[in-house]
Amino acid sequence: MRGRHTPTTPGTAATRRHCWIHRPDGDLPGLILEWRRHDLGWQALTTYVDGPQIVTAWLPADALRPA
């Protein structure tokens, strides 16, 4: 489906890609480092800058969109 991000096999170069992280106060640019399947669906290990902090966190796939 066009416009949706499809998880790829963890460990491949394609898993490291730029994305937009949706937040209530505005989208932030981020980097997807790894994917995992969770009980509630796909999650991505992401890194992004939030003000003065660098954040690395697992986020649900529906909170992300391709850059």
C-alpha atoms as a PDB file:
ATOM      1  CA  MET A   1       0.000   0.000   0.000  1.00  0.00           C
ATOM      2  CA  ARG A   2       1.510   3.321  -1.047  1.00  0.00           C
ATOM      3  CA  GLY A   3       2.212   5.821   1.716  1.00  0.00           C
ATOM      4  CA  ARG A   4       2.503   3.257   4.498  1.00  0.00           C
ATOM      5  CA  HIS A   5       5.784   2.072   5.897  1.00  0.00           C
ATOM      6  CA  THR A   6       6.281  -1.676   5.662  1.00  0.00           C
ATOM      7  CA  PRO A   7       8.661  -3.171   8.222  1.00  0.00           C
ATOM      8  CA  THR A   8      11.626  -5.018   6.769  1.00  0.00           C
ATOM      9  CA  THR A   9      13.694  -7.827   8.183  1.00  0.00           C
ATOM     10  CA  PRO A  10      15.690  -6.604  11.213  1.00  0.00           C
ATOM     11  CA  GLY A  11      19.407  -6.334  10.571  1.00  0.00           C
ATOM     12  CA  THR A  12      19.130  -5.271   6.945  1.00  0.00           C
ATOM     13  CA  ALA A  13      20.305  -1.862   5.766  1.00  0.00           C
ATOM     14  CA  ALA A  14      16.717  -1.008   4.811  1.00  0.00           C
ATOM     15  CA  THR A  15      15.701  -1.000   8.489  1.00  0.00           C
ATOM     16  CA  ARG A  16      17.769   2.132   9.125  1.00  0.00           C
ATOM     17  CA  ARG A  17      15.807   4.911   7.539  1.00  0.00           C
ATOM     18  CA  HIS A  18      14.589   8.405   8.140  1.00  0.00           C
ATOM     19  CA  CYS A  19      11.022   8.898   9.366  1.00  0.00           C
ATOM     20  CA  TRP A  20       8.639  11.432  10.859  1.00  0.00           C
ATOM     21  CA  ILE A  21       7.520  10.791  14.421  1.00  0.00           C
ATOM     22  CA  HIS A  22       3.965  11.974  15.021  1.00  0.00           C
ATOM     23  CA  ARG A  23       3.490  13.833  18.297  1.00  0.00           C
ATOM     24  CA  PRO A  24       0.590  15.982  19.516  1.00  0.00           C
ATOM     25  CA  ASP A  25       2.797  19.089  19.541  1.00  0.00           C
ATOM     26  CA  GLY A  26       4.111  18.476  16.004  1.00  0.00           C
ATOM     27  CA  ASP A  27       6.012  15.906  13.972  1.00  0.00           C
ATOM     28  CA  LEU A  28       9.732  15.410  14.555  1.00  0.00           C
ATOM     29  CA  PRO A  29      12.330  13.964  12.179  1.00  0.00           C
ATOM     30  CA  GLY A  30      13.784  10.697  13.396  1.00  0.00           C
ATOM     31  CA  LEU A  31      15.745   7.615  12.468  1.00  0.00           C
ATOM     32  CA  ILE A  32      14.458   4.033  12.616  1.00  0.00           C
ATOM     33  CA  LEU A  33      17.171   1.732  13.933  1.00  0.00           C
ATOM     34  CA  GLU A  34      15.336  -1.588  14.229  1.00  0.00           C
ATOM     35  CA  TRP A  35      11.883  -3.205  13.962  1.00  0.00           C
ATOM     36  CA  ARG A  36      10.271  -5.778  16.237  1.00  0.00           C
ATOM     37  CA  ARG A  37       6.938  -7.563  16.333  1.00  0.00           C
ATOM     38  CA  HIS A  38       5.091  -6.903  19.606  1.00  0.00           C
ATOM     39  CA  ASP A  39       1.792  -8.262  20.958  1.00  0.00           C
ATOM     40  CA  LEU A  40       0.112  -5.009  19.874  1.00  0.00           C
ATOM     41  CA  GLY A  41       1.743  -4.887  16.409  1.00  0.00           C
ATOM     42  CA  TRP A  42       4.986  -3.588  14.924  1.00  0.00           C
ATOM     43  CA  GLN A  43       7.276  -1.283  16.894  1.00  0.00           C
ATOM     44  CA  ALA A  44      10.361   0.616  15.768  1.00  0.00           C
ATOM     45  CA  LEU A  45      13.397   1.521  17.809  1.00  0.00           C
ATOM     46  CA  THR A  46      13.764   5.196  16.958  1.00  0.00           C
ATOM     47  CA  THR A  47      16.159   8.017  17.735  1.00  0.00           C
ATOM     48  CA  TYR A  48      15.149  11.664  17.531  1.00  0.00           C
ATOM     49  CA  VAL A  49      15.988  15.045  19.008  1.00  0.00           C
ATOM     50  CA  ASP A  50      13.415  16.588  21.367  1.00  0.00           C
ATOM     51  CA  GLY A  51      14.603  20.035  22.432  1.00  0.00           C
ATOM     52  CA  PRO A  52      17.965  19.602  24.169  1.00  0.00           C
ATOM     53  CA  GLN A  53      17.568  15.806  24.511  1.00  0.00           C
ATOM     54  CA  ILE A  54      18.381  12.904  22.216  1.00  0.00           C
ATOM     55  CA  VAL A  55      15.667  10.279  22.707  1.00  0.00           C
ATOM     56  CA  THR A  56      15.901   6.589  21.783  1.00  0.00           C
ATOM     57  CA  ALA A  57      12.632   4.713  22.285  1.00  0.00           C
ATOM     58  CA  TRP A  58      10.435   1.930  20.959  1.00  0.00           C
ATOM     59  CA  LEU A  59       7.412   3.500  19.245  1.00  0.00           C
ATOM     60  CA  PRO A  60       4.369   1.885  17.612  1.00  0.00           C
ATOM     61  CA  ALA A  61       4.428   1.832  13.810  1.00  0.00           C
ATOM     62  CA  ASP A  62       1.290   3.982  13.609  1.00  0.00           C
ATOM     63  CA  ALA A  63       3.199   6.845  15.287  1.00  0.00           C
ATOM     64  CA  LEU A  64       5.639   6.931  12.337  1.00  0.00           C
ATOM     65  CA  ARG A  65       5.505   7.884   8.688  1.00  0.00           C
ATOM     66  CA  PRO A  66       8.166   7.716   5.969  1.00  0.00           C
ATOM     67  CA  ALA A  67      10.335  10.779   5.401  1.00  0.00           C
END
